[in-house]
Amino acid sequence: MDKKGTIMLKCQRAAELISLQHDRPLSLWERWQLRLHLLVCSPCQRYQKQLDTISLAMHHVRQKQAEDK
């Protein structure tokens, strides 16, 4: 359970973790909670896919800019 005594995340916290995982590795507990939440929440699944797509696109842009220098 997290600090508030709940196992299941609310969408707001799941969205925070989805964003945060692009900045730092999530703890084992955070990963477990997020995976559990994503099993049952299609809007958060969609948000994760969108953020992953944006992140990948930005990676390609940075790579292209580095090649052009």
Protein backbone atom coordinates (compact mmCIF):
# COMPACT_ATOMS: atom_id res chain seq x y z
CA MET A 1 0.00 0.00 0.00
CA ASP A 2 1.12 3.56 -0.60
CA LYS A 3 1.42 6.29 2.02
CA LYS A 4 -2.34 6.78 2.00
CA GLY A 5 -3.04 3.07 2.46
CA THR A 6 -4.36 2.35 -1.03
CA ILE A 7 -3.18 -0.15 -3.59
CA MET A 8 -4.99 1.15 -6.67
CA LEU A 9 -3.87 4.47 -8.05
CA LYS A 10 -6.19 7.24 -9.10
CA CYS A 11 -5.80 8.41 -12.68
CA GLN A 12 -4.11 11.64 -11.62
CA ARG A 13 -1.33 9.76 -9.80
CA ALA A 14 -1.05 7.24 -12.65
CA ALA A 15 -0.59 10.12 -15.11
CA GLU A 16 2.12 11.57 -12.87
CA LEU A 17 3.95 8.24 -12.85
CA ILE A 18 3.55 7.82 -16.60
CA SER A 19 5.20 11.21 -17.09
CA LEU A 20 7.77 10.65 -14.38
CA GLN A 21 9.03 7.40 -15.88
CA HIS A 22 10.40 9.44 -18.79
CA ASP A 23 12.57 11.40 -16.33
CA ARG A 24 13.72 8.75 -13.88
CA PRO A 25 13.31 5.04 -13.18
CA LEU A 26 10.23 4.28 -11.12
CA SER A 27 10.61 2.35 -7.90
CA LEU A 28 9.46 -1.25 -7.85
CA TRP A 29 6.36 -0.21 -5.89
CA GLU A 30 5.54 2.62 -8.35
CA ARG A 31 5.94 0.27 -11.32
CA TRP A 32 3.71 -2.34 -9.69
CA GLN A 33 0.99 0.19 -8.88
CA LEU A 34 1.13 1.69 -12.37
CA ARG A 35 0.95 -1.69 -14.09
CA LEU A 36 -2.01 -2.69 -11.95
CA HIS A 37 -3.79 0.58 -12.77
CA LEU A 38 -3.07 0.27 -16.49
CA LEU A 39 -4.63 -3.20 -16.56
CA VAL A 40 -8.03 -1.69 -15.82
CA CYS A 41 -7.86 1.90 -17.11
CA SER A 42 -8.04 2.42 -20.86
CA PRO A 43 -7.78 6.25 -20.68
CA CYS A 44 -4.46 5.95 -18.85
CA GLN A 45 -3.31 3.28 -21.31
CA ARG A 46 -4.07 5.73 -24.10
CA TYR A 47 -2.23 8.53 -22.28
CA GLN A 48 0.83 6.32 -21.87
CA LYS A 49 0.84 5.45 -25.59
CA GLN A 50 0.50 9.13 -26.52
CA LEU A 51 3.34 10.17 -24.24
CA ASP A 52 5.54 7.34 -25.51
CA THR A 53 4.84 8.45 -29.10
CA ILE A 54 5.72 12.08 -28.30
CA SER A 55 8.88 11.00 -26.50
CA LEU A 56 9.97 8.84 -29.43
CA ALA A 57 9.27 11.66 -31.90
CA MET A 58 11.34 14.06 -29.82
CA HIS A 59 14.17 11.53 -29.72
CA HIS A 60 14.11 11.33 -33.54
CA VAL A 61 14.11 15.13 -33.84
CA ARG A 62 17.12 15.40 -31.52
CA GLN A 63 18.91 12.67 -33.47
CA LYS A 64 18.21 14.43 -36.78
CA GLN A 65 19.45 17.74 -35.39
CA ALA A 66 22.66 16.11 -34.18
CA GLU A 67 23.23 14.57 -37.63
CA ASP A 68 22.72 17.93 -39.34
CA LYS A 69 25.44 19.63 -37.28
